[in-house]
Amino acid sequence: MTAGIQQLTPPTAADEGLFGTVMVAARLGRAEKIVGRLRERYEQEWDDPRAGFPYALALLALLQSGREDLRGQLSYTEIVETLSDLLYHEPGHWLGRYLRIHTRALLPADATEHRGYVIAERTRAAEDAAELVGRQDAVEWRPWFACTYLLAARLAWESGETGQLDRIPELIRSAAAKADAREVGFPSLGGLLCEGFVWYHSKPGLPERDTAAALMDTLFPAQPAVLRVKEFAREH
């Protein structure tokens, strides 16, 4: 799906700043007012497709903060729908599309309740990942593009479908072949963007695991989650 595709909108310093601020505020128990203001802005400026993106980003920061008591305030459907509003008007918004894939992938692949809904959402996530890979291939490479391939590989693995499983080695090799030696320059957002790599590194039986590990070291050398999974691998 590369025909007519224009330049992807990259993550910005404002995205990084908001995500990091909400994460810190959540850990200090002070995120409610920030998120509330962003929700109000989204409700008041409903005709502005970008108004909802900071709200969706803040909700994901709450999730990323590790505060279990905040999970009850989060609605995966609300995040997905808010990001979908943005992408309807700006289909080339890279972070918005990546976060929609990420949010849908959070639904457990082995869920027994609402099984049909979960399968449908994860199928949409895989389709979204394929589209984003196509959009990335049409423009100049950016370091964070590799994260899409890892997320696509995870969705393929968790699908359990033979045709999807066969795609995984090429996804990892493609990410490594196209990547350069630059680190992803978003420390706060990097904690979320590295999750596909961390998941992959924690699964010893996956193909091209060493290739993915080397790329993870290049892109996220100082991320705490990356350092933890590497330490765990050394100890076991």
C-alpha atoms as a PDB file:
ATOM      1  CA  MET A   1       0.000   0.000   0.000  1.00  0.00           C
ATOM      2  CA  THR A   2       2.645   2.465  -1.005  1.00  0.00           C
ATOM      3  CA  ALA A   3       0.937   4.238  -3.889  1.00  0.00           C
ATOM      4  CA  GLY A   4       0.362   7.889  -3.148  1.00  0.00           C
ATOM      5  CA  ILE A   5       1.963   7.677   0.290  1.00  0.00           C
ATOM      6  CA  GLN A   6       3.566  10.874   1.499  1.00  0.00           C
ATOM      7  CA  GLN A   7       6.126  11.580   4.202  1.00  0.00           C
ATOM      8  CA  LEU A   8       5.322  10.053   7.577  1.00  0.00           C
ATOM      9  CA  THR A   9       4.834  12.478  10.459  1.00  0.00           C
ATOM     10  CA  PRO A  10       7.610  11.635  12.958  1.00  0.00           C
ATOM     11  CA  PRO A  11       7.402  11.635  16.746  1.00  0.00           C
ATOM     12  CA  THR A  12       8.237  15.064  18.148  1.00  0.00           C
ATOM     13  CA  ALA A  13       9.904  16.582  21.188  1.00  0.00           C
ATOM     14  CA  ALA A  14       6.414  17.578  22.370  1.00  0.00           C
ATOM     15  CA  ASP A  15       5.297  13.921  22.214  1.00  0.00           C
ATOM     16  CA  GLU A  16       8.383  12.877  24.158  1.00  0.00           C
ATOM     17  CA  GLY A  17       7.873  15.616  26.747  1.00  0.00           C
ATOM     18  CA  LEU A  18       4.200  14.827  27.325  1.00  0.00           C
ATOM     19  CA  PHE A  19       4.759  11.096  27.582  1.00  0.00           C
ATOM     20  CA  GLY A  20       7.604  11.516  30.061  1.00  0.00           C
ATOM     21  CA  THR A  21       5.717  14.094  32.134  1.00  0.00           C
ATOM     22  CA  VAL A  22       2.632  11.903  32.504  1.00  0.00           C
ATOM     23  CA  MET A  23       4.724   8.868  33.404  1.00  0.00           C
ATOM     24  CA  VAL A  24       6.503  10.758  36.185  1.00  0.00           C
ATOM     25  CA  ALA A  25       3.266  12.339  37.381  1.00  0.00           C
ATOM     26  CA  ALA A  26       1.592   8.935  37.472  1.00  0.00           C
ATOM     27  CA  ARG A  27       4.352   7.485  39.612  1.00  0.00           C
ATOM     28  CA  LEU A  28       3.956  10.415  42.002  1.00  0.00           C
ATOM     29  CA  GLY A  29       0.181  10.074  42.048  1.00  0.00           C
ATOM     30  CA  ARG A  30      -0.337  13.428  40.288  1.00  0.00           C
ATOM     31  CA  ALA A  31      -1.379  12.496  36.767  1.00  0.00           C
ATOM     32  CA  GLU A  32      -5.147  12.853  37.191  1.00  0.00           C
ATOM     33  CA  LYS A  33      -5.276  16.606  36.558  1.00  0.00           C
ATOM     34  CA  ILE A  34      -3.036  16.413  33.496  1.00  0.00           C
ATOM     35  CA  VAL A  35      -5.049  13.632  31.913  1.00  0.00           C
ATOM     36  CA  GLY A  36      -8.300  15.374  32.856  1.00  0.00           C
ATOM     37  CA  ARG A  37      -7.258  18.565  31.076  1.00  0.00           C
ATOM     38  CA  LEU A  38      -6.303  16.623  27.970  1.00  0.00           C
ATOM     39  CA  ARG A  39      -9.651  14.829  28.019  1.00  0.00           C
ATOM     40  CA  GLU A  40     -11.482  18.148  28.298  1.00  0.00           C
ATOM     41  CA  ARG A  41      -9.539  19.572  25.372  1.00  0.00           C
ATOM     42  CA  TYR A  42     -10.416  16.557  23.258  1.00  0.00           C
ATOM     43  CA  GLU A  43     -14.100  16.877  24.137  1.00  0.00           C
ATOM     44  CA  GLN A  44     -14.156  20.639  23.465  1.00  0.00           C
ATOM     45  CA  GLU A  45     -12.112  20.535  20.253  1.00  0.00           C
ATOM     46  CA  TRP A  46     -13.714  17.437  18.757  1.00  0.00           C
ATOM     47  CA  ASP A  47     -13.464  18.915  15.264  1.00  0.00           C
ATOM     48  CA  ASP A  48      -9.657  19.070  15.521  1.00  0.00           C
ATOM     49  CA  PRO A  49      -8.343  15.583  14.602  1.00  0.00           C
ATOM     50  CA  ARG A  50      -5.096  16.224  16.484  1.00  0.00           C
ATOM     51  CA  ALA A  51      -6.787  17.238  19.733  1.00  0.00           C
ATOM     52  CA  GLY A  52      -7.266  13.645  20.847  1.00  0.00           C
ATOM     53  CA  PHE A  53      -3.712  12.459  20.237  1.00  0.00           C
ATOM     54  CA  PRO A  54      -2.211  13.968  23.433  1.00  0.00           C
ATOM     55  CA  TYR A  55      -5.057  12.403  25.421  1.00  0.00           C
ATOM     56  CA  ALA A  56      -4.428   8.938  23.924  1.00  0.00           C
ATOM     57  CA  LEU A  57      -0.692   9.344  24.465  1.00  0.00           C
ATOM     58  CA  ALA A  58      -1.287  10.285  28.111  1.00  0.00           C
ATOM     59  CA  LEU A  59      -3.478   7.226  28.657  1.00  0.00           C
ATOM     60  CA  LEU A  60      -0.713   4.994  27.328  1.00  0.00           C
ATOM     61  CA  ALA A  61       1.783   6.750  29.588  1.00  0.00           C
ATOM     62  CA  LEU A  62      -0.435   5.841  32.551  1.00  0.00           C
ATOM     63  CA  LEU A  63      -0.264   2.236  31.441  1.00  0.00           C
ATOM     64  CA  GLN A  64       3.492   2.421  30.924  1.00  0.00           C
ATOM     65  CA  SER A  65       4.024   3.926  34.390  1.00  0.00           C
ATOM     66  CA  GLY A  66       3.523   0.548  36.014  1.00  0.00           C
ATOM     67  CA  ARG A  67       0.849   1.794  38.412  1.00  0.00           C
ATOM     68  CA  GLU A  68      -1.521  -1.167  38.674  1.00  0.00           C
ATOM     69  CA  ASP A  69      -4.130   0.956  40.463  1.00  0.00           C
ATOM     70  CA  LEU A  70      -4.469   3.122  37.347  1.00  0.00           C
ATOM     71  CA  ARG A  71      -5.253   0.275  34.967  1.00  0.00           C
ATOM     72  CA  GLY A  72      -8.916   0.391  35.925  1.00  0.00           C
ATOM     73  CA  GLN A  73      -9.108   3.933  34.529  1.00  0.00           C
ATOM     74  CA  LEU A  74      -7.895   2.853  31.105  1.00  0.00           C
ATOM     75  CA  SER A  75     -10.095   1.856  28.212  1.00  0.00           C
ATOM     76  CA  TYR A  76      -8.323   0.143  25.323  1.00  0.00           C
ATOM     77  CA  THR A  77     -11.343   0.868  23.144  1.00  0.00           C
ATOM     78  CA  GLU A  78     -11.183   4.582  23.965  1.00  0.00           C
ATOM     79  CA  ILE A  79      -7.493   4.731  23.093  1.00  0.00           C
ATOM     80  CA  VAL A  80      -8.019   2.887  19.801  1.00  0.00           C
ATOM     81  CA  GLU A  81     -11.007   5.019  18.821  1.00  0.00           C
ATOM     82  CA  THR A  82      -9.199   8.254  19.682  1.00  0.00           C
ATOM     83  CA  LEU A  83      -6.187   7.247  17.604  1.00  0.00           C
ATOM     84  CA  SER A  84      -8.494   6.153  14.789  1.00  0.00           C
ATOM     85  CA  ASP A  85      -9.993   9.659  14.713  1.00  0.00           C
ATOM     86  CA  LEU A  86      -6.504  11.048  14.196  1.00  0.00           C
ATOM     87  CA  LEU A  87      -5.546   8.489  11.546  1.00  0.00           C
ATOM     88  CA  TYR A  88      -8.731   9.024   9.571  1.00  0.00           C
ATOM     89  CA  HIS A  89      -7.544  12.581   8.904  1.00  0.00           C
ATOM     90  CA  GLU A  90      -3.769  11.992   9.091  1.00  0.00           C
ATOM     91  CA  PRO A  91      -3.046   8.419   7.964  1.00  0.00           C
ATOM     92  CA  GLY A  92       0.678   9.174   7.866  1.00  0.00           C
ATOM     93  CA  HIS A  93       0.982  10.016  11.577  1.00  0.00           C
ATOM     94  CA  TRP A  94       3.638   7.454  12.500  1.00  0.00           C
ATOM     95  CA  LEU A  95       3.321   7.452  16.279  1.00  0.00           C
ATOM     96  CA  GLY A  96      -0.468   7.465  16.167  1.00  0.00           C
ATOM     97  CA  ARG A  97      -0.518   4.384  13.918  1.00  0.00           C
ATOM     98  CA  TYR A  98       2.185   2.604  15.877  1.00  0.00           C
ATOM     99  CA  LEU A  99       0.371   3.218  19.165  1.00  0.00           C
ATOM    100  CA  ARG A 100      -2.888   1.896  17.735  1.00  0.00           C
ATOM    101  CA  ILE A 101      -1.089  -1.315  16.775  1.00  0.00           C
ATOM    102  CA  HIS A 102       0.569  -1.463  20.183  1.00  0.00           C
ATOM    103  CA  THR A 103      -2.713  -0.953  22.034  1.00  0.00           C
ATOM    104  CA  ARG A 104      -4.510  -3.686  20.111  1.00  0.00           C
ATOM    105  CA  ALA A 105      -1.557  -6.025  20.667  1.00  0.00           C
ATOM    106  CA  LEU A 106      -1.978  -5.581  24.427  1.00  0.00           C
ATOM    107  CA  LEU A 107      -5.149  -7.682  24.254  1.00  0.00           C
ATOM    108  CA  PRO A 108      -4.089 -11.184  25.364  1.00  0.00           C
ATOM    109  CA  ALA A 109      -3.686 -13.580  22.482  1.00  0.00           C
ATOM    110  CA  ASP A 110      -4.920 -16.480  24.645  1.00  0.00           C
ATOM    111  CA  ALA A 111      -8.023 -14.699  25.945  1.00  0.00           C
ATOM    112  CA  THR A 112     -11.041 -16.904  26.584  1.00  0.00           C
ATOM    113  CA  GLU A 113     -13.529 -14.125  27.322  1.00  0.00           C
ATOM    114  CA  HIS A 114     -14.689 -12.003  24.376  1.00  0.00           C
ATOM    115  CA  ARG A 115     -12.606 -14.256  22.150  1.00  0.00           C
ATOM    116  CA  GLY A 116     -14.119 -13.022  18.898  1.00  0.00           C
ATOM    117  CA  TYR A 117     -13.456  -9.386  19.780  1.00  0.00           C
ATOM    118  CA  VAL A 118      -9.838 -10.079  20.737  1.00  0.00           C
ATOM    119  CA  ILE A 119      -9.140 -12.023  17.539  1.00  0.00           C
ATOM    120  CA  ALA A 120     -10.690  -9.274  15.423  1.00  0.00           C
ATOM    121  CA  GLU A 121      -8.685  -6.532  17.137  1.00  0.00           C
ATOM    122  CA  ARG A 122      -5.400  -8.416  16.873  1.00  0.00           C
ATOM    123  CA  THR A 123      -6.137  -9.117  13.200  1.00  0.00           C
ATOM    124  CA  ARG A 124      -6.649  -5.388  12.680  1.00  0.00           C
ATOM    125  CA  ALA A 125      -3.349  -4.772  14.473  1.00  0.00           C
ATOM    126  CA  ALA A 126      -1.518  -7.127  12.096  1.00  0.00           C
ATOM    127  CA  GLU A 127      -3.100  -5.405   9.083  1.00  0.00           C
ATOM    128  CA  ASP A 128      -2.149  -2.007  10.513  1.00  0.00           C
ATOM    129  CA  ALA A 129       1.442  -3.190  11.039  1.00  0.00           C
ATOM    130  CA  ALA A 130       1.641  -4.377   7.433  1.00  0.00           C
ATOM    131  CA  GLU A 131       0.372  -1.005   6.238  1.00  0.00           C
ATOM    132  CA  LEU A 132       2.855   0.885   8.393  1.00  0.00           C
ATOM    133  CA  VAL A 133       5.731  -1.250   7.109  1.00  0.00           C
ATOM    134  CA  GLY A 134       4.634  -0.338   3.578  1.00  0.00           C
ATOM    135  CA  ARG A 135       4.481   3.336   4.419  1.00  0.00           C
ATOM    136  CA  GLN A 136       7.930   3.188   6.006  1.00  0.00           C
ATOM    137  CA  ASP A 137       9.387   1.499   2.949  1.00  0.00           C
ATOM    138  CA  ALA A 138       8.247   4.451   0.823  1.00  0.00           C
ATOM    139  CA  VAL A 139      10.194   7.090   2.771  1.00  0.00           C
ATOM    140  CA  GLU A 140      13.627   7.703   4.236  1.00  0.00           C
ATOM    141  CA  TRP A 141      14.476   5.274   7.043  1.00  0.00           C
ATOM    142  CA  ARG A 142      14.220   6.500  10.638  1.00  0.00           C
ATOM    143  CA  PRO A 143      15.592   4.520  13.615  1.00  0.00           C
ATOM    144  CA  TRP A 144      12.187   3.903  15.213  1.00  0.00           C
ATOM    145  CA  PHE A 145      10.867   2.256  12.044  1.00  0.00           C
ATOM    146  CA  ALA A 146      12.486  -1.008  13.201  1.00  0.00           C
ATOM    147  CA  CYS A 147       9.998  -1.193  16.071  1.00  0.00           C
ATOM    148  CA  THR A 148       7.158  -1.793  13.618  1.00  0.00           C
ATOM    149  CA  TYR A 149       8.832  -4.936  12.318  1.00  0.00           C
ATOM    150  CA  LEU A 150       9.280  -6.327  15.824  1.00  0.00           C
ATOM    151  CA  LEU A 151       5.680  -5.628  16.712  1.00  0.00           C
ATOM    152  CA  ALA A 152       4.579  -7.279  13.459  1.00  0.00           C
ATOM    153  CA  ALA A 153       6.756 -10.301  14.308  1.00  0.00           C
ATOM    154  CA  ARG A 154       5.169 -10.599  17.742  1.00  0.00           C
ATOM    155  CA  LEU A 155       1.660 -10.478  16.284  1.00  0.00           C
ATOM    156  CA  ALA A 156       2.626 -13.114  13.730  1.00  0.00           C
ATOM    157  CA  TRP A 157       4.069 -15.405  16.409  1.00  0.00           C
ATOM    158  CA  GLU A 158       1.110 -15.063  18.724  1.00  0.00           C
ATOM    159  CA  SER A 159      -1.336 -15.743  15.890  1.00  0.00           C
ATOM    160  CA  GLY A 160      -0.006 -19.292  15.679  1.00  0.00           C
ATOM    161  CA  GLU A 161      -0.840 -19.406  11.974  1.00  0.00           C
ATOM    162  CA  THR A 162       1.695 -21.182   9.765  1.00  0.00           C
ATOM    163  CA  GLY A 163       1.635 -18.517   7.071  1.00  0.00           C
ATOM    164  CA  GLN A 164       2.240 -15.812   9.647  1.00  0.00           C
ATOM    165  CA  LEU A 165       4.972 -17.751  11.448  1.00  0.00           C
ATOM    166  CA  ASP A 166       6.861 -18.173   8.186  1.00  0.00           C
ATOM    167  CA  ARG A 167       7.057 -14.374   7.823  1.00  0.00           C
ATOM    168  CA  ILE A 168       8.932 -13.798  11.075  1.00  0.00           C
ATOM    169  CA  PRO A 169      12.565 -14.409   9.973  1.00  0.00           C
ATOM    170  CA  GLU A 170      12.186 -12.043   7.012  1.00  0.00           C
ATOM    171  CA  LEU A 171      10.611  -9.357   9.199  1.00  0.00           C
ATOM    172  CA  ILE A 172      13.593  -9.428  11.552  1.00  0.00           C
ATOM    173  CA  ARG A 173      16.159  -9.582   8.755  1.00  0.00           C
ATOM    174  CA  SER A 174      14.466  -6.712   6.932  1.00  0.00           C
ATOM    175  CA  ALA A 175      14.532  -4.524  10.030  1.00  0.00           C
ATOM    176  CA  ALA A 176      18.234  -5.231  10.554  1.00  0.00           C
ATOM    177  CA  ALA A 177      19.126  -4.711   6.887  1.00  0.00           C
ATOM    178  CA  LYS A 178      17.428  -1.332   6.697  1.00  0.00           C
ATOM    179  CA  ALA A 179      18.496  -0.020  10.094  1.00  0.00           C
ATOM    180  CA  ASP A 180      21.443   2.284  10.631  1.00  0.00           C
ATOM    181  CA  ALA A 181      23.630   2.746  13.702  1.00  0.00           C
ATOM    182  CA  ARG A 182      21.565   5.526  15.294  1.00  0.00           C
ATOM    183  CA  GLU A 183      19.933   5.236  18.682  1.00  0.00           C
ATOM    184  CA  VAL A 184      16.237   6.071  19.006  1.00  0.00           C
ATOM    185  CA  GLY A 185      16.479   9.576  20.451  1.00  0.00           C
ATOM    186  CA  PHE A 186      13.361   9.539  22.632  1.00  0.00           C
ATOM    187  CA  PRO A 187      14.237   8.308  26.140  1.00  0.00           C
ATOM    188  CA  SER A 188      10.696   8.311  27.543  1.00  0.00           C
ATOM    189  CA  LEU A 189       8.937   7.047  24.430  1.00  0.00           C
ATOM    190  CA  GLY A 190      11.785   4.581  24.026  1.00  0.00           C
ATOM    191  CA  GLY A 191      10.501   2.710  27.058  1.00  0.00           C
ATOM    192  CA  LEU A 192       7.399   1.885  25.038  1.00  0.00           C
ATOM    193  CA  LEU A 193       9.023   1.525  21.628  1.00  0.00           C
ATOM    194  CA  CYS A 194      11.549  -1.024  22.881  1.00  0.00           C
ATOM    195  CA  GLU A 195       8.873  -3.408  24.158  1.00  0.00           C
ATOM    196  CA  GLY A 196       8.743  -5.434  20.948  1.00  0.00           C
ATOM    197  CA  PHE A 197      12.467  -6.048  21.200  1.00  0.00           C
ATOM    198  CA  VAL A 198      12.280  -6.912  24.898  1.00  0.00           C
ATOM    199  CA  TRP A 199       9.489  -9.409  24.229  1.00  0.00           C
ATOM    200  CA  TYR A 200      11.468 -10.961  21.373  1.00  0.00           C
ATOM    201  CA  HIS A 201      14.618 -11.247  23.474  1.00  0.00           C
ATOM    202  CA  SER A 202      12.681 -13.058  26.197  1.00  0.00           C
ATOM    203  CA  LYS A 203      11.629 -15.864  23.814  1.00  0.00           C
ATOM    204  CA  PRO A 204      14.640 -18.190  23.247  1.00  0.00           C
ATOM    205  CA  GLY A 205      12.963 -20.216  20.497  1.00  0.00           C
ATOM    206  CA  LEU A 206      12.241 -17.381  18.092  1.00  0.00           C
ATOM    207  CA  PRO A 207      14.127 -17.179  14.759  1.00  0.00           C
ATOM    208  CA  GLU A 208      16.792 -14.516  14.184  1.00  0.00           C
ATOM    209  CA  ARG A 209      16.855 -13.797  17.921  1.00  0.00           C
ATOM    210  CA  ASP A 210      20.530 -12.759  17.858  1.00  0.00           C
ATOM    211  CA  THR A 211      19.816 -10.418  14.942  1.00  0.00           C
ATOM    212  CA  ALA A 212      16.998  -8.780  16.896  1.00  0.00           C
ATOM    213  CA  ALA A 213      19.195  -8.558  20.014  1.00  0.00           C
ATOM    214  CA  ALA A 214      21.981  -6.770  18.146  1.00  0.00           C
ATOM    215  CA  LEU A 215      19.490  -4.277  16.734  1.00  0.00           C
ATOM    216  CA  MET A 216      17.966  -3.761  20.175  1.00  0.00           C
ATOM    217  CA  ASP A 217      21.418  -2.917  21.563  1.00  0.00           C
ATOM    218  CA  THR A 218      21.923  -0.337  18.835  1.00  0.00           C
ATOM    219  CA  LEU A 219      18.546   1.354  19.158  1.00  0.00           C
ATOM    220  CA  PHE A 220      17.977   1.197  22.924  1.00  0.00           C
ATOM    221  CA  PRO A 221      21.358   0.808  24.653  1.00  0.00           C
ATOM    222  CA  ALA A 222      20.329   2.507  27.911  1.00  0.00           C
ATOM    223  CA  GLN A 223      16.664   1.578  28.277  1.00  0.00           C
ATOM    224  CA  PRO A 224      16.082  -0.010  31.703  1.00  0.00           C
ATOM    225  CA  ALA A 225      13.796  -2.705  30.272  1.00  0.00           C
ATOM    226  CA  VAL A 226      16.479  -3.674  27.757  1.00  0.00           C
ATOM    227  CA  LEU A 227      19.171  -3.838  30.436  1.00  0.00           C
ATOM    228  CA  ARG A 228      16.921  -5.977  32.648  1.00  0.00           C
ATOM    229  CA  VAL A 229      16.083  -8.523  29.964  1.00  0.00           C
ATOM    230  CA  LYS A 230      19.746  -8.835  29.010  1.00  0.00           C
ATOM    231  CA  GLU A 231      20.744  -9.357  32.649  1.00  0.00           C
ATOM    232  CA  PHE A 232      18.037 -11.982  33.066  1.00  0.00           C
ATOM    233  CA  ALA A 233      19.286 -13.784  29.942  1.00  0.00           C
ATOM    234  CA  ARG A 234      22.845 -13.836  31.289  1.00  0.00           C
ATOM    235  CA  GLU A 235      21.699 -15.269  34.620  1.00  0.00           C
ATOM    236  CA  HIS A 236      19.624 -17.986  33.011  1.00  0.00           C
END
